[in-house]
Amino acid sequence: MKNKLKDLNDHLFAQLERLSDEDLEGEKLEEEIRRAEAVCDISGQIIANGALVLKAQQFKDAALSAHTSIPEFLEGR
């Protein structure tokens, strides 16, 4: 599976379109609402995971840039 965040965005808008169908009623509407809740829950987890990956990369980048300067005790030599 090679899904990207753009794919998630497409899925969310497709779900919104299904919920906006004015002809959807009764049991079909309830089923679509349950599906939308599941999509929302999963989307939240995907977004949280992406945020965690981004934080980890930022932490790694900060750690790497912190080691690029010359220690003070070596500067005067």
Protein backbone atom coordinates (compact mmCIF):
# COMPACT_ATOMS: atom_id res chain seq x y z
CA MET A 1 0.00 0.00 0.00
CA LYS A 2 1.43 3.35 -1.03
CA ASN A 3 -1.14 5.83 0.20
CA LYS A 4 -0.18 9.44 0.72
CA LEU A 5 -1.78 12.23 2.76
CA LYS A 6 -3.32 13.51 -0.49
CA ASP A 7 -5.16 10.17 -0.74
CA LEU A 8 -6.49 10.67 2.78
CA ASN A 9 -7.71 14.11 1.79
CA ASP A 10 -9.47 12.62 -1.24
CA HIS A 11 -11.13 9.96 0.95
CA LEU A 12 -12.32 12.57 3.44
CA PHE A 13 -13.88 14.71 0.72
CA ALA A 14 -15.50 11.65 -0.87
CA GLN A 15 -16.98 10.75 2.52
CA LEU A 16 -18.26 14.30 2.92
CA GLU A 17 -19.93 14.06 -0.49
CA ARG A 18 -21.62 10.78 0.48
CA LEU A 19 -22.92 12.36 3.69
CA SER A 20 -24.19 15.37 1.73
CA ASP A 21 -26.43 13.18 -0.46
CA GLU A 22 -29.91 14.50 0.29
CA ASP A 23 -31.50 11.27 -0.98
CA LEU A 24 -29.77 9.26 1.75
CA GLU A 25 -32.28 8.37 4.44
CA GLY A 26 -33.02 5.93 7.24
CA GLU A 27 -30.82 2.88 7.55
CA LYS A 28 -28.61 3.89 4.62
CA LEU A 29 -27.94 7.27 6.24
CA GLU A 30 -27.16 5.63 9.59
CA GLU A 31 -24.77 3.23 7.87
CA GLU A 32 -23.03 6.12 6.13
CA ILE A 33 -22.74 8.01 9.42
CA ARG A 34 -21.10 4.96 11.06
CA ARG A 35 -18.73 4.71 8.11
CA ALA A 36 -17.91 8.42 8.42
CA GLU A 37 -17.16 8.02 12.13
CA ALA A 38 -14.80 5.12 11.36
CA VAL A 39 -13.09 7.12 8.62
CA CYS A 40 -12.73 10.05 11.01
CA ASP A 41 -11.19 7.86 13.73
CA ILE A 42 -8.72 6.27 11.34
CA SER A 43 -7.87 9.63 9.78
CA GLY A 44 -7.09 11.02 13.22
CA GLN A 45 -4.66 8.17 13.85
CA ILE A 46 -2.98 8.68 10.47
CA ILE A 47 -2.59 12.41 11.14
CA ALA A 48 -1.25 11.77 14.67
CA ASN A 49 1.24 9.28 13.25
CA GLY A 50 2.37 11.81 10.64
CA ALA A 51 2.82 14.43 13.35
CA LEU A 52 4.92 12.00 15.37
CA VAL A 53 7.12 11.20 12.36
CA LEU A 54 7.57 14.93 11.72
CA LYS A 55 8.52 15.57 15.37
CA ALA A 56 11.02 12.71 15.30
CA GLN A 57 12.61 14.10 12.13
CA GLN A 58 12.78 17.60 13.63
CA PHE A 59 14.40 16.18 16.78
CA LYS A 60 16.91 14.25 14.66
CA ASP A 61 17.70 17.34 12.56
CA ALA A 62 18.17 19.45 15.70
CA ALA A 63 20.48 16.84 17.19
CA LEU A 64 22.54 16.67 14.02
CA SER A 65 22.85 20.45 13.72
CA ALA A 66 23.87 20.67 17.39
CA HIS A 67 26.93 18.52 16.65
CA THR A 68 28.17 20.59 13.70
CA SER A 69 29.74 23.38 15.75
CA ILE A 70 33.23 23.27 17.17
CA PRO A 71 33.28 22.83 20.94
CA GLU A 72 34.33 26.00 22.77
CA PHE A 73 37.40 24.39 24.36
CA LEU A 74 38.81 23.64 20.87
CA GLU A 75 38.13 27.03 19.28
CA GLY A 76 41.19 28.79 20.73
CA ARG A 77 43.73 26.17 19.63
